[in-house]
Structure formats: structure tokens, C-alpha cells
Amino acid sequence: MSDMPWYQKFADADYLRIYSPFLPPERSTREVANIARLLQLAPGSSILDLCCGHGRHTIPLAQQGYRMTGLDLSPYFLQRAQAEAETQNLRVRWVQSDMRHIPFTNEFDAVIDVFTSFGYLENEEEDLEVLRQVQQALKPGGLFLLETVYQVRVVRTFSPHGIIRYDDGLIVLEERRLNLPESRNEINITMLYPDGRRTTHRQSIRVYTLTELRRMLESVGIEVQAYYGDLDGSALTVDSRMVILGKKRE
């Protein structure tokens, strides 16, 4: 268990406990509408939601008539997603796999990777393998929509400590470190419960510039079509997140 990578250990109820309060249904609804607007694909198109989590975007996109596949490493997230899809009588294909191993070739009209799951892996070569897998999974001319943190913003807004207090008494402490030689944002997370229990997790995310990601994408055959500061299509700035829309060469 101790050898398990952090992103596998953290993909459980604790992750949802920390982040769900910041992801209300209205935010998901807005993001899904923006995703559909950026992709401009007709209902019935096939979309892979890479690192789909508990289906926060997968399920609403299926409701809009897209043929959805959700891929995630976490059985906990996938079980929750599948149960919700079944409750709504939606047909979604759920796949448990590492994002370095996408078991499809020339299958999808689009692949989406939303809410900062890109950069979790151990080094840049592993991230590059993810992009190779995305390129393989896309049909010729298929689209790749990537939404993640922007290195410039991470550096500009860096603070070594953070405290989040929740309505039910939970306190989450974050101890942060910018690993500049590796361009990684490293965070030690401590969850303090009202009953005195304590749980710890860690994160280590490679934070990229637009220049780096464009070079990586184009090296695997995905040409950058546009870039934004948010899924709403607003401009990329030093204070924004980063959204890249790429297209597989035909």
C-alpha cells in the first residue's frame, strides 16, 4: 500500500470530501455547457472523458445525447459514476484503466480531460505517453480538450500554507512547496475531524506552460487550434487557468 502512487491513494471518499463543496451542481452544468460549446460536436458524437472521476461531466454530456465513455483509475469513483448513470437510465461505457493505457484506437470524435488531472504522473515522459494515447484514441480530425492549472498563475499566487474550514467542523490544512527544478506543485494535506481523527494525503502536480504543452501536443500529432483561460472561452491571462483545444492531424 505504501508504494501506491499518491493519485491512486487519494482517489477515494477523502478527495470528494475536500473538493465537492467547491463543485456544486450549477458549476458542473455551466462547465458542461461550455465544453459542448467549445467542441461544437453534434449529439451522437463519441466522447471519451479521460480521468472522469465520479462522472461529473460524463453523465450530463450523456444526457445531452453524446455517446460517452468514462475512463478512470479509481474503482471507487467509477462505482459511484456507474450507479448514478443507472439511476438516470443512461448508457455510458465505464473503463477502469491508467490514463497511460487507453484501450481504443481511432474511436472518438473528442477526448476531454478537465479539472487538473493532467500532470499527476511521475515525470514529463509519462505525461507525454498520455498524449500519445489520446492521439491514438482519437479519430483523424478528432478534438482534444484539456483544462488544467496554468504554471504562471500557480507561481504568482503561491502561498506556502492554506487552511479550509468546512461547515461540519472539518479543517483541511495544506502545506505547499514549489519544486522549481521539476516544475511541480507539491502539497501535504491534513484532514482534521471534529472528533480528533486525522488523515493525511499528498499531491504532486507537474504544472505546465502553454509553450510546453503546445510542443508536447504537436510532437504526438495533435495541433493546437485555440487556447483560453477558462472553459467559457475567456482569454488566457497570468491569473487564469488554462484550456487548450487541439485537433488530431488527418
Foldseek 3Di string as FASTA:
>chain_A
DVPDAQVAVCLAVNVCVVCVVVVDLVNLVVLLVLVCVVQVDDQQFEEEEEQCFLPSNQQVSQVVRHAYEYEHQHPRSPVNNVVVCVVVVGDYHYYHDDLLCDPAFQAGLEYEYDDAPQQQDDAPVSSLSSLLVRLRRHHAFHKYKYWHAALLQCVVPDDQWDWDADPQGKIKIWGWDQPVVRQKIKIWIWIAHPVGDIDIGIGIGRHDHPVVVQVSNVVSQKHWDDKAQGSNRHHNDSNGTIMTMTTGHD
